[in-house]
Amino acid sequence: MRVDRVRIPTLALTAAAALLLLLAPAAAAQEARPLHINTTEIMFTSFSCTDPVNPFLCNSTATGEVRSNLSTTPGTVDYALVVDFSPSFDAPCNVVDETAVFTFEAGTITVHSHHQDCPATILPGPRINTDFQVTGGTGAFAGATGGGVERAGKGSDAITYNGTIFL
């Protein structure tokens, strides 16, 4: 009986150590790198408000050009946006749920943010000033995580993403 009391905790400890050793290389394999993406010339490609319960809840898509420290050549961005204009289309602020896919020669980076956009007369500062999360990628950016700050000035279609990406 004494052997079993020693053997079970020893086996459990050995299994836990083996699991940590297996997971350690995967965690160590991710390298933190600065992430800087600047968008320009954003053009809306679709806009619809089809929710009969909330006619001010709209879906939109947009595309634009981007430059990043992670690519020597320009790329593109494709946005999927859900915009809530409540209580009316004339409201000075709106709430945006945003997914952006940045495409470069080496692969894609996907980010997500949720923010309230207001003019300076309502909320001083940039129109967009929010955190974003890196939620994935493909190619050289497969498995990417991270995040940072997304900003856009008043009256500008340029959006800047500054943060850290883990590859």
Foldseek 3Di string as FASTA:
>chain_A
DVVVVVVVVVVVVVVVVVVCVVCVVVVVVWDKDKKKKKWADKDKDDKAQDDPVQSQWMWTKIKTKMDIPVAPDIWMKIKIKTKGCPPDVPDQKIKIWIWMWTQDPQWIWIKTDIDMFGDCVVPNDFRAWTKMWTDAMDGVTGPKTWIAIWTHHPPHPMIMGITMIID
